[in-house]
Amino acid sequence: MKSGKYMLLAAVLASVVFSAHAQSVPKPKEFYFDEDKTTARPIVVVEGEGEAQVQALVRERDRGRRQLEATAQLAHIAFSDGRMDLGGQLYQQVLAQTDAKGTLGRAVRWNYAWDLFRAGQVEPALTRWVEVASAYGSPSWAPPTLALALWRLDRKQEAVAWFGAAVRTEPTIWIDARNFASQLPDWKQEDRDTLAEVLGAWQANPPTWP
């Protein structure tokens, strides 16, 4: 049972209130060439699945060298199981102990944003992504990701503007939706289809720069 996987956490979790505030999205820069691989990555401390994986992560969280990473992975598992409250509490604990501009802090916030997005919490996901993108140069993941979130929020003009930054940076890649699967392998097909809608809007009326 899914609930059994989290019995060990019940005794160690402090009560944390999660709240998200809408954040305005800045105008995109001209180019986004920074790969930022240290941020745009899953956080995996323990491979596997099920209760054994959760128990190993709890042990790592309590006594291991990668306590924060283990907590972040537990948060992701909780979100995947539909336990958003638990996942949010776990993520909040990690956020409180990491610098938003640090390597781990950025990765945690990027992953948290994706978990929020996949749980239908697009506005707080966008807020996190903006926070992470602002903390690291000009990350190449930002234009398509922010375009996706903005389009889902029906902020279509902003979405097209951000997609335009992706096209300016790598025009041979982003002007053809057939490239999306190879460029965005971890995205769900429905998300790639949404980005294809953004591409269509961009093709109909490409924004000028600046």
C-alpha atoms as a PDB file:
ATOM      1  CA  MET A   1       0.000   0.000   0.000  1.00  0.00           C
ATOM      2  CA  LYS A   2       1.205   3.479  -0.792  1.00  0.00           C
ATOM      3  CA  SER A   3       0.385   4.710   2.694  1.00  0.00           C
ATOM      4  CA  GLY A   4       2.765   2.136   4.171  1.00  0.00           C
ATOM      5  CA  LYS A   5       5.696   3.654   2.338  1.00  0.00           C
ATOM      6  CA  TYR A   6       5.395   6.824   4.416  1.00  0.00           C
ATOM      7  CA  MET A   7       4.825   5.476   7.919  1.00  0.00           C
ATOM      8  CA  LEU A   8       8.473   6.108   8.788  1.00  0.00           C
ATOM      9  CA  LEU A   9       8.150   9.735   7.768  1.00  0.00           C
ATOM     10  CA  ALA A  10       5.186  10.489   9.990  1.00  0.00           C
ATOM     11  CA  ALA A  11       7.360  10.669  13.090  1.00  0.00           C
ATOM     12  CA  VAL A  12      10.091  12.847  11.604  1.00  0.00           C
ATOM     13  CA  LEU A  13       8.172  15.452   9.611  1.00  0.00           C
ATOM     14  CA  ALA A  14       7.663  18.864  11.152  1.00  0.00           C
ATOM     15  CA  SER A  15       4.562  20.800  10.267  1.00  0.00           C
ATOM     16  CA  VAL A  16       5.289  23.200   7.412  1.00  0.00           C
ATOM     17  CA  VAL A  17       2.754  25.414   5.745  1.00  0.00           C
ATOM     18  CA  PHE A  18       3.188  25.701   1.996  1.00  0.00           C
ATOM     19  CA  SER A  19       2.049  28.766   0.165  1.00  0.00           C
ATOM     20  CA  ALA A  20       2.859  30.048  -3.293  1.00  0.00           C
ATOM     21  CA  HIS A  21       2.665  33.599  -4.459  1.00  0.00           C
ATOM     22  CA  ALA A  22       2.197  34.574  -8.066  1.00  0.00           C
ATOM     23  CA  GLN A  23       5.256  36.234  -9.514  1.00  0.00           C
ATOM     24  CA  SER A  24       5.541  38.436 -12.531  1.00  0.00           C
ATOM     25  CA  VAL A  25       7.688  37.014 -15.301  1.00  0.00           C
ATOM     26  CA  PRO A  26      10.480  39.220 -16.645  1.00  0.00           C
ATOM     27  CA  LYS A  27      10.917  39.836 -20.330  1.00  0.00           C
ATOM     28  CA  PRO A  28      13.276  37.303 -21.906  1.00  0.00           C
ATOM     29  CA  LYS A  29      16.863  38.088 -22.755  1.00  0.00           C
ATOM     30  CA  GLU A  30      18.070  37.860 -26.325  1.00  0.00           C
ATOM     31  CA  PHE A  31      19.889  34.517 -25.987  1.00  0.00           C
ATOM     32  CA  TYR A  32      20.012  31.552 -23.572  1.00  0.00           C
ATOM     33  CA  PHE A  33      23.171  29.566 -24.241  1.00  0.00           C
ATOM     34  CA  ASP A  34      23.981  28.304 -20.706  1.00  0.00           C
ATOM     35  CA  GLU A  35      23.324  24.549 -20.527  1.00  0.00           C
ATOM     36  CA  ASP A  36      23.036  24.567 -16.715  1.00  0.00           C
ATOM     37  CA  LYS A  37      23.206  20.774 -16.407  1.00  0.00           C
ATOM     38  CA  THR A  38      23.726  21.013 -12.639  1.00  0.00           C
ATOM     39  CA  THR A  39      20.221  22.446 -12.277  1.00  0.00           C
ATOM     40  CA  ALA A  40      18.126  20.688 -14.910  1.00  0.00           C
ATOM     41  CA  ARG A  41      18.562  17.152 -13.563  1.00  0.00           C
ATOM     42  CA  PRO A  42      16.618  14.664 -11.481  1.00  0.00           C
ATOM     43  CA  ILE A  43      17.841  14.279  -7.900  1.00  0.00           C
ATOM     44  CA  VAL A  44      18.461  10.583  -7.291  1.00  0.00           C
ATOM     45  CA  VAL A  45      20.129   9.262  -4.151  1.00  0.00           C
ATOM     46  CA  VAL A  46      18.604   5.774  -4.079  1.00  0.00           C
ATOM     47  CA  GLU A  47      17.603   3.788  -7.149  1.00  0.00           C
ATOM     48  CA  GLY A  48      14.698   1.366  -7.028  1.00  0.00           C
ATOM     49  CA  GLU A  49      11.029   1.634  -6.182  1.00  0.00           C
ATOM     50  CA  GLY A  50       8.437   0.917  -3.545  1.00  0.00           C
ATOM     51  CA  GLU A  51       8.759   0.732   0.204  1.00  0.00           C
ATOM     52  CA  ALA A  52      12.358  -0.507   0.129  1.00  0.00           C
ATOM     53  CA  GLN A  53      13.414   2.612  -1.741  1.00  0.00           C
ATOM     54  CA  VAL A  54      11.532   4.888   0.668  1.00  0.00           C
ATOM     55  CA  GLN A  55      13.036   3.148   3.710  1.00  0.00           C
ATOM     56  CA  ALA A  56      16.530   3.540   2.254  1.00  0.00           C
ATOM     57  CA  LEU A  57      15.879   7.230   1.606  1.00  0.00           C
ATOM     58  CA  VAL A  58      14.590   7.736   5.154  1.00  0.00           C
ATOM     59  CA  ARG A  59      17.785   6.160   6.498  1.00  0.00           C
ATOM     60  CA  GLU A  60      19.836   8.396   4.213  1.00  0.00           C
ATOM     61  CA  ARG A  61      17.810  11.401   5.348  1.00  0.00           C
ATOM     62  CA  ASP A  62      18.435  10.566   9.016  1.00  0.00           C
ATOM     63  CA  ARG A  63      22.069   9.476   8.970  1.00  0.00           C
ATOM     64  CA  GLY A  64      23.569   9.808   5.521  1.00  0.00           C
ATOM     65  CA  ARG A  65      25.826  12.306   3.865  1.00  0.00           C
ATOM     66  CA  ARG A  66      23.183  13.414   1.361  1.00  0.00           C
ATOM     67  CA  GLN A  67      20.330  14.195   3.715  1.00  0.00           C
ATOM     68  CA  LEU A  68      18.944  17.109   1.722  1.00  0.00           C
ATOM     69  CA  GLU A  69      19.083  15.245  -1.574  1.00  0.00           C
ATOM     70  CA  ALA A  70      17.356  12.243   0.023  1.00  0.00           C
ATOM     71  CA  THR A  71      14.600  14.504   1.336  1.00  0.00           C
ATOM     72  CA  ALA A  72      14.152  16.021  -2.123  1.00  0.00           C
ATOM     73  CA  GLN A  73      13.857  12.567  -3.693  1.00  0.00           C
ATOM     74  CA  LEU A  74      11.282  11.583  -1.059  1.00  0.00           C
ATOM     75  CA  ALA A  75       9.352  14.734  -1.933  1.00  0.00           C
ATOM     76  CA  HIS A  76       9.346  13.763  -5.598  1.00  0.00           C
ATOM     77  CA  ILE A  77       8.112  10.257  -4.770  1.00  0.00           C
ATOM     78  CA  ALA A  78       5.343  11.708  -2.631  1.00  0.00           C
ATOM     79  CA  PHE A  79       4.213  13.939  -5.500  1.00  0.00           C
ATOM     80  CA  SER A  80       4.312  10.979  -7.876  1.00  0.00           C
ATOM     81  CA  ASP A  81       2.002   9.113  -5.508  1.00  0.00           C
ATOM     82  CA  GLY A  82      -0.426  12.037  -5.377  1.00  0.00           C
ATOM     83  CA  ARG A  83       0.587  13.086  -1.853  1.00  0.00           C
ATOM     84  CA  MET A  84       1.089  16.768  -2.576  1.00  0.00           C
ATOM     85  CA  ASP A  85       0.838  17.918   1.039  1.00  0.00           C
ATOM     86  CA  LEU A  86       3.602  15.571   2.129  1.00  0.00           C
ATOM     87  CA  GLY A  87       5.701  16.368  -0.927  1.00  0.00           C
ATOM     88  CA  GLY A  88       5.295  20.089  -0.332  1.00  0.00           C
ATOM     89  CA  GLN A  89       6.353  19.758   3.315  1.00  0.00           C
ATOM     90  CA  LEU A  90       9.448  17.805   2.355  1.00  0.00           C
ATOM     91  CA  TYR A  91      10.429  20.240  -0.371  1.00  0.00           C
ATOM     92  CA  GLN A  92       9.893  23.184   1.977  1.00  0.00           C
ATOM     93  CA  GLN A  93      12.302  21.637   4.457  1.00  0.00           C
ATOM     94  CA  VAL A  94      14.979  21.408   1.780  1.00  0.00           C
ATOM     95  CA  LEU A  95      14.312  24.912   0.482  1.00  0.00           C
ATOM     96  CA  ALA A  96      14.781  26.297   3.988  1.00  0.00           C
ATOM     97  CA  GLN A  97      18.270  24.764   4.113  1.00  0.00           C
ATOM     98  CA  THR A  98      19.543  25.567   0.622  1.00  0.00           C
ATOM     99  CA  ASP A  99      20.609  28.742  -1.130  1.00  0.00           C
ATOM    100  CA  ALA A 100      18.459  29.571  -4.156  1.00  0.00           C
ATOM    101  CA  LYS A 101      21.661  30.473  -6.032  1.00  0.00           C
ATOM    102  CA  GLY A 102      23.606  27.374  -4.999  1.00  0.00           C
ATOM    103  CA  THR A 103      23.969  24.254  -7.126  1.00  0.00           C
ATOM    104  CA  LEU A 104      21.756  22.040  -4.973  1.00  0.00           C
ATOM    105  CA  GLY A 105      19.307  24.828  -4.234  1.00  0.00           C
ATOM    106  CA  ARG A 106      18.705  25.452  -7.918  1.00  0.00           C
ATOM    107  CA  ALA A 107      18.284  21.742  -8.687  1.00  0.00           C
ATOM    108  CA  VAL A 108      15.784  21.276  -5.855  1.00  0.00           C
ATOM    109  CA  ARG A 109      13.724  24.265  -6.952  1.00  0.00           C
ATOM    110  CA  TRP A 110      13.773  23.138 -10.603  1.00  0.00           C
ATOM    111  CA  ASN A 111      12.561  19.663  -9.616  1.00  0.00           C
ATOM    112  CA  TYR A 112       9.969  21.083  -7.240  1.00  0.00           C
ATOM    113  CA  ALA A 113       8.616  23.218 -10.077  1.00  0.00           C
ATOM    114  CA  TRP A 114       8.201  20.190 -12.335  1.00  0.00           C
ATOM    115  CA  ASP A 115       6.421  18.249  -9.612  1.00  0.00           C
ATOM    116  CA  LEU A 116       4.076  21.174  -9.025  1.00  0.00           C
ATOM    117  CA  PHE A 117       3.464  21.538 -12.752  1.00  0.00           C
ATOM    118  CA  ARG A 118       2.666  17.852 -13.217  1.00  0.00           C
ATOM    119  CA  ALA A 119       0.275  18.075 -10.279  1.00  0.00           C
ATOM    120  CA  GLY A 120      -1.614  20.859 -12.045  1.00  0.00           C
ATOM    121  CA  GLN A 121      -0.132  23.654  -9.918  1.00  0.00           C
ATOM    122  CA  VAL A 122       1.109  25.698 -12.867  1.00  0.00           C
ATOM    123  CA  GLU A 123       1.258  29.129 -11.219  1.00  0.00           C
ATOM    124  CA  PRO A 124       3.521  28.091  -8.305  1.00  0.00           C
ATOM    125  CA  ALA A 125       5.606  26.020 -10.726  1.00  0.00           C
ATOM    126  CA  LEU A 126       6.147  29.090 -12.865  1.00  0.00           C
ATOM    127  CA  THR A 127       7.150  31.078  -9.790  1.00  0.00           C
ATOM    128  CA  ARG A 128       9.818  28.521  -8.928  1.00  0.00           C
ATOM    129  CA  TRP A 129      11.160  28.341 -12.470  1.00  0.00           C
ATOM    130  CA  VAL A 130      11.478  32.115 -12.660  1.00  0.00           C
ATOM    131  CA  GLU A 131      13.343  32.068  -9.347  1.00  0.00           C
ATOM    132  CA  VAL A 132      15.787  29.431 -10.595  1.00  0.00           C
ATOM    133  CA  ALA A 133      16.313  31.010 -14.011  1.00  0.00           C
ATOM    134  CA  SER A 134      17.043  34.367 -12.396  1.00  0.00           C
ATOM    135  CA  ALA A 135      19.714  32.760 -10.215  1.00  0.00           C
ATOM    136  CA  TYR A 136      21.836  31.373 -13.039  1.00  0.00           C
ATOM    137  CA  GLY A 137      22.940  33.339 -16.090  1.00  0.00           C
ATOM    138  CA  SER A 138      20.897  32.480 -19.163  1.00  0.00           C
ATOM    139  CA  PRO A 139      19.927  28.788 -18.830  1.00  0.00           C
ATOM    140  CA  SER A 140      18.887  27.117 -22.063  1.00  0.00           C
ATOM    141  CA  TRP A 141      16.037  25.254 -20.356  1.00  0.00           C
ATOM    142  CA  ALA A 142      14.274  28.483 -19.403  1.00  0.00           C
ATOM    143  CA  PRO A 143      12.724  29.669 -22.707  1.00  0.00           C
ATOM    144  CA  PRO A 144      10.819  26.487 -23.651  1.00  0.00           C
ATOM    145  CA  THR A 145       9.907  25.716 -20.031  1.00  0.00           C
ATOM    146  CA  LEU A 146       8.570  29.163 -19.217  1.00  0.00           C
ATOM    147  CA  ALA A 147       6.797  29.256 -22.579  1.00  0.00           C
ATOM    148  CA  LEU A 148       5.056  25.998 -21.674  1.00  0.00           C
ATOM    149  CA  ALA A 149       3.886  27.251 -18.286  1.00  0.00           C
ATOM    150  CA  LEU A 150       2.778  30.641 -19.573  1.00  0.00           C
ATOM    151  CA  TRP A 151       0.777  29.063 -22.390  1.00  0.00           C
ATOM    152  CA  ARG A 152      -0.975  26.758 -19.916  1.00  0.00           C
ATOM    153  CA  LEU A 153      -1.877  29.841 -17.881  1.00  0.00           C
ATOM    154  CA  ASP A 154      -3.328  31.457 -21.021  1.00  0.00           C
ATOM    155  CA  ARG A 155      -0.619  34.125 -20.943  1.00  0.00           C
ATOM    156  CA  LYS A 156      -0.044  33.500 -24.611  1.00  0.00           C
ATOM    157  CA  GLN A 157       1.730  36.674 -25.634  1.00  0.00           C
ATOM    158  CA  GLU A 158       4.338  36.144 -22.920  1.00  0.00           C
ATOM    159  CA  ALA A 159       4.647  32.498 -23.898  1.00  0.00           C
ATOM    160  CA  VAL A 160       5.385  33.395 -27.505  1.00  0.00           C
ATOM    161  CA  ALA A 161       7.917  36.011 -26.398  1.00  0.00           C
ATOM    162  CA  TRP A 162       9.782  33.417 -24.329  1.00  0.00           C
ATOM    163  CA  PHE A 163       9.622  30.868 -27.126  1.00  0.00           C
ATOM    164  CA  GLY A 164      11.125  33.537 -29.360  1.00  0.00           C
ATOM    165  CA  ALA A 165      14.196  33.516 -27.123  1.00  0.00           C
ATOM    166  CA  ALA A 166      14.576  29.781 -27.734  1.00  0.00           C
ATOM    167  CA  VAL A 167      14.342  30.339 -31.488  1.00  0.00           C
ATOM    168  CA  ARG A 168      16.897  33.155 -31.402  1.00  0.00           C
ATOM    169  CA  THR A 169      19.274  30.944 -29.442  1.00  0.00           C
ATOM    170  CA  GLU A 170      18.919  27.751 -31.507  1.00  0.00           C
ATOM    171  CA  PRO A 171      16.806  28.507 -34.598  1.00  0.00           C
ATOM    172  CA  THR A 172      17.486  25.217 -36.369  1.00  0.00           C
ATOM    173  CA  ILE A 173      16.137  23.290 -33.374  1.00  0.00           C
ATOM    174  CA  TRP A 174      13.078  25.161 -32.200  1.00  0.00           C
ATOM    175  CA  ILE A 175      11.374  26.045 -35.478  1.00  0.00           C
ATOM    176  CA  ASP A 176      10.486  22.386 -36.072  1.00  0.00           C
ATOM    177  CA  ALA A 177       8.249  20.547 -33.588  1.00  0.00           C
ATOM    178  CA  ARG A 178       9.657  17.243 -34.831  1.00  0.00           C
ATOM    179  CA  ASN A 179      12.787  18.088 -32.828  1.00  0.00           C
ATOM    180  CA  PHE A 180      10.940  18.405 -29.538  1.00  0.00           C
ATOM    181  CA  ALA A 181      11.061  14.715 -28.629  1.00  0.00           C
ATOM    182  CA  SER A 182      14.856  14.596 -28.873  1.00  0.00           C
ATOM    183  CA  GLN A 183      15.360  17.988 -27.242  1.00  0.00           C
ATOM    184  CA  LEU A 184      12.837  17.423 -24.456  1.00  0.00           C
ATOM    185  CA  PRO A 185      12.992  13.671 -23.776  1.00  0.00           C
ATOM    186  CA  ASP A 186      11.788  13.958 -20.174  1.00  0.00           C
ATOM    187  CA  TRP A 187       8.692  15.977 -21.091  1.00  0.00           C
ATOM    188  CA  LYS A 188       5.321  14.280 -21.449  1.00  0.00           C
ATOM    189  CA  GLN A 189       4.001  14.163 -24.988  1.00  0.00           C
ATOM    190  CA  GLU A 190       1.101  16.417 -24.013  1.00  0.00           C
ATOM    191  CA  ASP A 191       3.607  19.053 -22.886  1.00  0.00           C
ATOM    192  CA  ARG A 192       5.530  18.792 -26.152  1.00  0.00           C
ATOM    193  CA  ASP A 193       2.204  19.141 -27.964  1.00  0.00           C
ATOM    194  CA  THR A 194       1.489  22.302 -25.982  1.00  0.00           C
ATOM    195  CA  LEU A 195       4.874  23.706 -26.946  1.00  0.00           C
ATOM    196  CA  ALA A 196       4.033  22.910 -30.572  1.00  0.00           C
ATOM    197  CA  GLU A 197       1.001  25.181 -30.141  1.00  0.00           C
ATOM    198  CA  VAL A 198       3.341  27.909 -28.937  1.00  0.00           C
ATOM    199  CA  LEU A 199       5.511  27.313 -32.005  1.00  0.00           C
ATOM    200  CA  GLY A 200       2.446  27.704 -34.208  1.00  0.00           C
ATOM    201  CA  ALA A 201       1.601  31.021 -32.563  1.00  0.00           C
ATOM    202  CA  TRP A 202       5.212  32.152 -32.968  1.00  0.00           C
ATOM    203  CA  GLN A 203       5.160  31.234 -36.673  1.00  0.00           C
ATOM    204  CA  ALA A 204       1.926  33.164 -37.164  1.00  0.00           C
ATOM    205  CA  ASN A 205       3.346  36.321 -35.623  1.00  0.00           C
ATOM    206  CA  PRO A 206       7.040  36.200 -34.697  1.00  0.00           C
ATOM    207  CA  PRO A 207       7.847  38.773 -31.989  1.00  0.00           C
ATOM    208  CA  THR A 208      10.504  41.359 -32.729  1.00  0.00           C
ATOM    209  CA  TRP A 209      13.610  41.916 -30.648  1.00  0.00           C
ATOM    210  CA  PRO A 210      14.012  43.847 -28.458  1.00  0.00           C
END
